Amino acid sequence: MTEPTTTEYRWAPQAPLVGIGWVLTAIAVLLAVVGTDPGGRVLLTLAALLLAAISLFGTLARPRLRADEQGVTVRGLFSSRTWAWPEVRIRLAHGRRLGRVTSTVELTVLHDDGLIVFGKLDLGEDPVDVVEQLQALRPWPQG
């Protein structure tokens, strides 16, 4: 007897982008260590800490968003949360940032009154495509 197959989608920051973050972290640390200007060393140390935090998040929070027929799972730095489809609403939002129109995926968690927003960097794909895949995977239309 075969088990029914489930369709699962996963979205995460692109691995090369996370790798670039780690490389930039190493460069900032190196420059902070060998630098002679005290002010510059402080700024480079702060930049290295920020880059390390962002890179660590991109490394550990994978996949950032996962969905199957049962619902969606959002991964954070130390934990993940799962909601069934009736508990979430999906929305594609458009806004202007730095003079450009950007798209984001908005998940509204109904019982928590929570809003989770994902951009292209979070998902590694265009949010328009992600929303289409999520809506196709959802077993019934949103109400």
N, C-alpha and C. Protein backbone atom coordinates (compact mmCIF):
# COMPACT_ATOMS: atom_id res chain seq x y z
N MET A 1 0.84 -1.17 0.00
CA MET A 1 0.00 0.00 0.00
C MET A 1 0.90 1.25 0.00
N THR A 2 0.62 2.17 -0.89
CA THR A 2 1.43 3.39 -0.97
C THR A 2 0.74 4.53 -0.25
N GLU A 3 1.54 5.36 0.35
CA GLU A 3 1.01 6.53 1.04
C GLU A 3 0.79 7.64 0.03
N PRO A 4 -0.23 8.46 0.26
CA PRO A 4 -0.44 9.57 -0.67
C PRO A 4 0.73 10.55 -0.60
N THR A 5 1.09 11.06 -1.75
CA THR A 5 2.19 12.02 -1.80
C THR A 5 1.66 13.40 -1.44
N THR A 6 2.50 14.16 -0.78
CA THR A 6 2.11 15.52 -0.43
C THR A 6 3.01 16.49 -1.18
N THR A 7 2.42 17.57 -1.56
CA THR A 7 3.17 18.63 -2.22
C THR A 7 3.63 19.58 -1.13
N GLU A 8 4.91 19.89 -1.15
CA GLU A 8 5.46 20.81 -0.18
C GLU A 8 6.35 21.81 -0.90
N TYR A 9 6.17 23.07 -0.56
CA TYR A 9 7.01 24.13 -1.10
C TYR A 9 7.83 24.70 0.05
N ARG A 10 9.06 25.09 -0.27
CA ARG A 10 9.96 25.69 0.71
C ARG A 10 10.61 26.92 0.09
N TRP A 11 10.69 27.97 0.92
CA TRP A 11 11.34 29.19 0.48
C TRP A 11 12.32 29.64 1.53
N ALA A 12 13.50 30.05 1.10
CA ALA A 12 14.56 30.49 2.01
C ALA A 12 15.44 31.50 1.28
N PRO A 13 16.21 32.28 2.05
CA PRO A 13 17.17 33.17 1.39
C PRO A 13 18.12 32.37 0.51
N GLN A 14 18.51 32.94 -0.60
CA GLN A 14 19.42 32.24 -1.51
C GLN A 14 20.76 31.99 -0.82
N ALA A 15 21.24 30.76 -0.95
CA ALA A 15 22.49 30.36 -0.30
C ALA A 15 23.68 31.24 -0.72
N PRO A 16 23.84 31.59 -2.00
CA PRO A 16 24.96 32.47 -2.35
C PRO A 16 24.90 33.83 -1.66
N LEU A 17 23.70 34.35 -1.47
CA LEU A 17 23.56 35.64 -0.78
C LEU A 17 23.98 35.53 0.68
N VAL A 18 23.60 34.43 1.33
CA VAL A 18 24.02 34.21 2.72
C VAL A 18 25.54 34.03 2.78
N GLY A 19 26.10 33.33 1.80
CA GLY A 19 27.55 33.16 1.74
C GLY A 19 28.28 34.49 1.59
N ILE A 20 27.74 35.37 0.77
CA ILE A 20 28.32 36.70 0.60
C ILE A 20 28.28 37.46 1.93
N GLY A 21 27.21 37.29 2.68
CA GLY A 21 27.12 37.93 3.99
C GLY A 21 28.23 37.46 4.92
N TRP A 22 28.52 36.15 4.92
CA TRP A 22 29.60 35.63 5.76
C TRP A 22 30.96 36.13 5.30
N VAL A 23 31.16 36.22 3.98
CA VAL A 23 32.43 36.74 3.46
C VAL A 23 32.61 38.20 3.86
N LEU A 24 31.56 38.99 3.74
CA LEU A 24 31.65 40.40 4.14
C LEU A 24 31.90 40.52 5.65
N THR A 25 31.31 39.61 6.43
CA THR A 25 31.57 39.59 7.87
C THR A 25 33.05 39.36 8.14
N ALA A 26 33.63 38.38 7.47
CA ALA A 26 35.06 38.07 7.66
C ALA A 26 35.93 39.24 7.24
N ILE A 27 35.58 39.89 6.15
CA ILE A 27 36.37 41.05 5.69
C ILE A 27 36.28 42.19 6.71
N ALA A 28 35.08 42.44 7.24
CA ALA A 28 34.93 43.51 8.23
C ALA A 28 35.72 43.20 9.50
N VAL A 29 35.71 41.94 9.92
CA VAL A 29 36.49 41.55 11.11
C VAL A 29 37.98 41.75 10.85
N LEU A 30 38.44 41.30 9.69
CA LEU A 30 39.85 41.44 9.34
C LEU A 30 40.27 42.91 9.32
N LEU A 31 39.47 43.74 8.69
CA LEU A 31 39.80 45.17 8.63
C LEU A 31 39.75 45.82 10.01
N ALA A 32 38.83 45.37 10.86
CA ALA A 32 38.77 45.92 12.22
C ALA A 32 40.00 45.53 13.03
N VAL A 33 40.52 44.32 12.78
CA VAL A 33 41.70 43.86 13.53
C VAL A 33 42.96 44.56 13.06
N VAL A 34 43.12 44.73 11.76
CA VAL A 34 44.37 45.31 11.26
C VAL A 34 44.32 46.83 11.13
N GLY A 35 43.14 47.43 11.32
CA GLY A 35 43.01 48.88 11.18
C GLY A 35 43.75 49.61 12.28
N THR A 36 44.15 50.84 11.98
CA THR A 36 44.88 51.65 12.95
C THR A 36 44.03 52.80 13.49
N ASP A 37 42.99 53.18 12.79
CA ASP A 37 42.14 54.28 13.22
C ASP A 37 41.13 53.75 14.24
N PRO A 38 41.13 54.24 15.48
CA PRO A 38 40.22 53.71 16.51
C PRO A 38 38.75 53.87 16.13
N GLY A 39 38.39 55.02 15.57
CA GLY A 39 37.00 55.22 15.16
C GLY A 39 36.58 54.26 14.06
N GLY A 40 37.47 54.05 13.10
CA GLY A 40 37.20 53.11 12.02
C GLY A 40 37.07 51.69 12.52
N ARG A 41 37.89 51.34 13.48
CA ARG A 41 37.83 49.99 14.05
C ARG A 41 36.49 49.74 14.75
N VAL A 42 36.02 50.78 15.46
CA VAL A 42 34.72 50.65 16.13
C VAL A 42 33.60 50.46 15.10
N LEU A 43 33.62 51.28 14.04
CA LEU A 43 32.59 51.17 13.01
C LEU A 43 32.67 49.82 12.30
N LEU A 44 33.86 49.35 12.00
CA LEU A 44 34.01 48.05 11.34
C LEU A 44 33.57 46.91 12.25
N THR A 45 33.83 47.04 13.54
CA THR A 45 33.37 46.01 14.49
C THR A 45 31.85 45.97 14.53
N LEU A 46 31.23 47.15 14.57
CA LEU A 46 29.77 47.20 14.56
C LEU A 46 29.21 46.63 13.26
N ALA A 47 29.84 46.95 12.14
CA ALA A 47 29.41 46.41 10.85
C ALA A 47 29.56 44.88 10.83
N ALA A 48 30.66 44.38 11.38
CA ALA A 48 30.89 42.94 11.43
C ALA A 48 29.83 42.25 12.27
N LEU A 49 29.47 42.85 13.40
CA LEU A 49 28.43 42.26 14.26
C LEU A 49 27.08 42.24 13.56
N LEU A 50 26.75 43.32 12.90
CA LEU A 50 25.48 43.38 12.16
C LEU A 50 25.45 42.36 11.03
N LEU A 51 26.52 42.31 10.25
CA LEU A 51 26.59 41.33 9.15
C LEU A 51 26.55 39.90 9.67
N ALA A 52 27.22 39.65 10.80
CA ALA A 52 27.19 38.30 11.38
C ALA A 52 25.79 37.93 11.83
N ALA A 53 25.06 38.86 12.44
CA ALA A 53 23.70 38.58 12.89
C ALA A 53 22.78 38.28 11.70
N ILE A 54 22.89 39.08 10.66
CA ILE A 54 22.06 38.87 9.47
C ILE A 54 22.42 37.54 8.80
N SER A 55 23.70 37.24 8.69
CA SER A 55 24.15 35.99 8.06
C SER A 55 23.75 34.78 8.90
N LEU A 56 23.84 34.91 10.22
CA LEU A 56 23.42 33.81 11.10
C LEU A 56 21.93 33.53 10.93
N PHE A 57 21.14 34.58 10.88
CA PHE A 57 19.70 34.39 10.66
C PHE A 57 19.44 33.71 9.33
N GLY A 58 20.13 34.15 8.27
CA GLY A 58 19.97 33.54 6.95
C GLY A 58 20.42 32.09 6.91
N THR A 59 21.35 31.73 7.79
CA THR A 59 21.85 30.36 7.85
C THR A 59 20.92 29.46 8.65
N LEU A 60 20.47 29.93 9.80
CA LEU A 60 19.69 29.08 10.70
C LEU A 60 18.19 29.04 10.39
N ALA A 61 17.65 30.12 9.88
CA ALA A 61 16.21 30.18 9.62
C ALA A 61 15.89 29.66 8.23
N ARG A 62 16.22 28.41 8.00
CA ARG A 62 15.99 27.80 6.69
C ARG A 62 15.15 26.55 6.85
N PRO A 63 14.13 26.32 6.08
CA PRO A 63 13.53 27.29 5.16
C PRO A 63 12.74 28.33 5.94
N ARG A 64 12.69 29.52 5.42
CA ARG A 64 12.00 30.62 6.09
C ARG A 64 10.49 30.40 6.10
N LEU A 65 9.97 29.88 4.98
CA LEU A 65 8.54 29.61 4.84
C LEU A 65 8.38 28.26 4.18
N ARG A 66 7.49 27.45 4.73
CA ARG A 66 7.21 26.13 4.18
C ARG A 66 5.70 25.96 4.14
N ALA A 67 5.19 25.34 3.08
CA ALA A 67 3.74 25.15 2.97
C ALA A 67 3.45 23.80 2.35
N ASP A 68 2.37 23.18 2.82
CA ASP A 68 1.86 21.95 2.22
C ASP A 68 0.34 21.98 2.30
N GLU A 69 -0.30 20.85 2.04
CA GLU A 69 -1.76 20.82 2.05
C GLU A 69 -2.35 21.09 3.44
N GLN A 70 -1.56 20.88 4.48
CA GLN A 70 -2.05 21.05 5.85
C GLN A 70 -2.01 22.50 6.31
N GLY A 71 -1.03 23.28 5.85
CA GLY A 71 -0.90 24.65 6.28
C GLY A 71 0.47 25.22 6.00
N VAL A 72 0.85 26.22 6.77
CA VAL A 72 2.13 26.90 6.56
C VAL A 72 2.96 26.85 7.84
N THR A 73 4.28 26.84 7.65
CA THR A 73 5.23 26.89 8.77
C THR A 73 6.20 28.03 8.50
N VAL A 74 6.40 28.86 9.51
CA VAL A 74 7.33 29.98 9.44
C VAL A 74 8.47 29.69 10.40
N ARG A 75 9.68 29.74 9.90
CA ARG A 75 10.86 29.45 10.72
C ARG A 75 11.52 30.76 11.13
N GLY A 76 11.85 30.83 12.41
CA GLY A 76 12.60 31.97 12.94
C GLY A 76 14.00 31.52 13.29
N LEU A 77 14.69 32.30 14.09
CA LEU A 77 16.06 31.99 14.43
C LEU A 77 16.17 30.75 15.30
N PHE A 78 15.30 30.60 16.29
CA PHE A 78 15.39 29.49 17.22
C PHE A 78 14.22 28.52 17.19
N SER A 79 13.14 28.87 16.52
CA SER A 79 11.97 28.00 16.53
C SER A 79 11.16 28.19 15.25
N SER A 80 10.14 27.38 15.12
CA SER A 80 9.23 27.52 13.99
C SER A 80 7.80 27.42 14.50
N ARG A 81 6.89 28.04 13.76
CA ARG A 81 5.47 28.01 14.11
C ARG A 81 4.71 27.50 12.91
N THR A 82 3.73 26.66 13.18
CA THR A 82 2.90 26.09 12.12
C THR A 82 1.45 26.47 12.35
N TRP A 83 0.77 26.82 11.27
CA TRP A 83 -0.65 27.14 11.32
C TRP A 83 -1.37 26.38 10.22
N ALA A 84 -2.56 25.89 10.52
CA ALA A 84 -3.40 25.25 9.51
C ALA A 84 -3.96 26.32 8.59
N TRP A 85 -4.36 25.93 7.39
CA TRP A 85 -4.85 26.89 6.40
C TRP A 85 -6.00 27.77 6.91
N PRO A 86 -6.96 27.22 7.67
CA PRO A 86 -8.04 28.11 8.13
C PRO A 86 -7.57 29.23 9.07
N GLU A 87 -6.37 29.11 9.62
CA GLU A 87 -5.86 30.10 10.57
C GLU A 87 -5.10 31.25 9.91
N VAL A 88 -4.83 31.16 8.62
CA VAL A 88 -4.02 32.19 7.96
C VAL A 88 -4.70 32.73 6.72
N ARG A 89 -4.40 33.97 6.43
CA ARG A 89 -4.81 34.62 5.19
C ARG A 89 -3.54 35.07 4.47
N ILE A 90 -3.55 34.93 3.16
CA ILE A 90 -2.40 35.29 2.33
C ILE A 90 -2.75 36.53 1.53
N ARG A 91 -1.80 37.45 1.46
CA ARG A 91 -2.03 38.67 0.68
C ARG A 91 -0.73 39.08 0.02
N LEU A 92 -0.83 39.52 -1.22
CA LEU A 92 0.30 40.11 -1.92
C LEU A 92 0.18 41.62 -1.78
N ALA A 93 1.18 42.23 -1.18
CA ALA A 93 1.15 43.68 -0.95
C ALA A 93 2.20 44.34 -1.83
N HIS A 94 1.87 45.52 -2.31
CA HIS A 94 2.80 46.31 -3.11
C HIS A 94 3.04 47.63 -2.40
N GLY A 95 4.27 48.09 -2.44
CA GLY A 95 4.61 49.37 -1.82
C GLY A 95 5.80 49.99 -2.53
N ARG A 96 6.09 51.21 -2.19
CA ARG A 96 7.23 51.91 -2.77
C ARG A 96 8.33 52.00 -1.74
N ARG A 97 9.52 51.57 -2.13
CA ARG A 97 10.70 51.68 -1.28
C ARG A 97 11.85 52.13 -2.15
N LEU A 98 12.50 53.18 -1.72
CA LEU A 98 13.66 53.73 -2.44
C LEU A 98 13.32 54.01 -3.91
N GLY A 99 12.11 54.49 -4.15
CA GLY A 99 11.70 54.84 -5.50
C GLY A 99 11.29 53.68 -6.38
N ARG A 100 11.24 52.48 -5.81
CA ARG A 100 10.86 51.29 -6.60
C ARG A 100 9.60 50.68 -6.01
N VAL A 101 8.81 50.08 -6.88
CA VAL A 101 7.65 49.32 -6.42
C VAL A 101 8.14 47.94 -6.02
N THR A 102 7.84 47.56 -4.79
CA THR A 102 8.24 46.25 -4.29
C THR A 102 7.01 45.45 -3.90
N SER A 103 7.15 44.13 -3.92
CA SER A 103 6.07 43.24 -3.52
C SER A 103 6.50 42.45 -2.29
N THR A 104 5.54 42.19 -1.42
CA THR A 104 5.78 41.36 -0.25
C THR A 104 4.63 40.38 -0.08
N VAL A 105 4.93 39.28 0.57
CA VAL A 105 3.91 38.31 0.95
C VAL A 105 3.53 38.62 2.39
N GLU A 106 2.25 38.80 2.62
CA GLU A 106 1.76 39.05 3.97
C GLU A 106 0.92 37.86 4.42
N LEU A 107 1.31 37.26 5.53
CA LEU A 107 0.51 36.20 6.15
C LEU A 107 -0.12 36.79 7.40
N THR A 108 -1.43 36.78 7.46
CA THR A 108 -2.14 37.24 8.64
C THR A 108 -2.60 36.02 9.41
N VAL A 109 -2.16 35.92 10.66
CA VAL A 109 -2.57 34.81 11.52
C VAL A 109 -3.79 35.27 12.29
N LEU A 110 -4.92 34.62 12.04
CA LEU A 110 -6.19 35.12 12.55
C LEU A 110 -6.31 35.08 14.06
N HIS A 111 -6.00 33.97 14.68
CA HIS A 111 -6.22 33.88 16.13
C HIS A 111 -5.17 34.64 16.94
N ASP A 112 -4.04 34.97 16.34
CA ASP A 112 -3.00 35.74 17.04
C ASP A 112 -3.05 37.22 16.69
N ASP A 113 -3.86 37.58 15.71
CA ASP A 113 -3.85 38.93 15.16
C ASP A 113 -2.44 39.32 14.76
N GLY A 114 -1.69 38.36 14.24
CA GLY A 114 -0.31 38.61 13.86
C GLY A 114 -0.17 38.81 12.37
N LEU A 115 0.83 39.57 11.99
CA LEU A 115 1.14 39.81 10.59
C LEU A 115 2.60 39.46 10.37
N ILE A 116 2.86 38.58 9.41
CA ILE A 116 4.21 38.19 9.07
C ILE A 116 4.45 38.61 7.63
N VAL A 117 5.51 39.36 7.41
CA VAL A 117 5.79 39.92 6.08
C VAL A 117 7.09 39.32 5.56
N PHE A 118 7.05 38.84 4.32
CA PHE A 118 8.23 38.27 3.66
C PHE A 118 8.51 39.04 2.39
N GLY A 119 9.76 39.39 2.18
CA GLY A 119 10.19 40.01 0.94
C GLY A 119 10.98 39.01 0.10
N LYS A 120 11.46 39.48 -1.01
CA LYS A 120 12.22 38.62 -1.91
C LYS A 120 13.48 38.06 -1.25
N LEU A 121 14.14 38.86 -0.42
CA LEU A 121 15.35 38.37 0.25
C LEU A 121 15.03 37.24 1.22
N ASP A 122 13.89 37.31 1.89
CA ASP A 122 13.47 36.24 2.82
C ASP A 122 13.18 34.94 2.10
N LEU A 123 12.56 35.06 0.93
CA LEU A 123 12.03 33.89 0.23
C LEU A 123 12.94 33.35 -0.85
N GLY A 124 13.82 34.17 -1.38
CA GLY A 124 14.68 33.72 -2.47
C GLY A 124 13.96 33.66 -3.81
N GLU A 125 12.72 34.08 -3.84
CA GLU A 125 11.91 34.10 -5.07
C GLU A 125 11.05 35.35 -5.08
N ASP A 126 10.49 35.63 -6.24
CA ASP A 126 9.60 36.76 -6.38
C ASP A 126 8.33 36.51 -5.55
N PRO A 127 7.95 37.44 -4.68
CA PRO A 127 6.75 37.25 -3.88
C PRO A 127 5.48 36.98 -4.69
N VAL A 128 5.40 37.51 -5.90
CA VAL A 128 4.23 37.26 -6.76
C VAL A 128 4.13 35.75 -7.05
N ASP A 129 5.25 35.12 -7.37
CA ASP A 129 5.26 33.68 -7.64
C ASP A 129 4.93 32.87 -6.39
N VAL A 130 5.44 33.32 -5.25
CA VAL A 130 5.19 32.61 -3.99
C VAL A 130 3.71 32.63 -3.65
N VAL A 131 3.06 33.79 -3.81
CA VAL A 131 1.63 33.88 -3.51
C VAL A 131 0.83 32.99 -4.45
N GLU A 132 1.20 32.94 -5.71
CA GLU A 132 0.51 32.05 -6.65
C GLU A 132 0.64 30.59 -6.22
N GLN A 133 1.84 30.18 -5.81
CA GLN A 133 2.04 28.80 -5.36
C GLN A 133 1.27 28.52 -4.08
N LEU A 134 1.27 29.46 -3.15
CA LEU A 134 0.52 29.28 -1.91
C LEU A 134 -0.97 29.15 -2.17
N GLN A 135 -1.50 30.00 -3.03
CA GLN A 135 -2.94 29.95 -3.32
C GLN A 135 -3.31 28.67 -4.07
N ALA A 136 -2.42 28.16 -4.91
CA ALA A 136 -2.69 26.91 -5.61
C ALA A 136 -2.64 25.73 -4.64
N LEU A 137 -1.80 25.82 -3.63
CA LEU A 137 -1.64 24.73 -2.66
C LEU A 137 -2.76 24.71 -1.63
N ARG A 138 -3.28 25.87 -1.31
CA ARG A 138 -4.35 25.98 -0.31
C ARG A 138 -5.55 25.15 -0.76
N PRO A 139 -6.10 24.29 0.11
CA PRO A 139 -7.16 23.38 -0.31
C PRO A 139 -8.50 24.04 -0.61
N TRP A 140 -8.70 25.28 -0.22
CA TRP A 140 -9.94 26.00 -0.51
C TRP A 140 -9.62 27.47 -0.59
N PRO A 141 -10.46 28.22 -1.25
CA PRO A 141 -10.19 29.67 -1.39
C PRO A 141 -10.27 30.38 -0.04
N GLN A 142 -9.55 31.49 0.04
CA GLN A 142 -9.61 32.32 1.26
C GLN A 142 -10.97 32.99 1.34
N GLY A 143 -11.42 33.18 2.56
CA GLY A 143 -12.70 33.86 2.75
C GLY A 143 -12.53 35.18 3.38
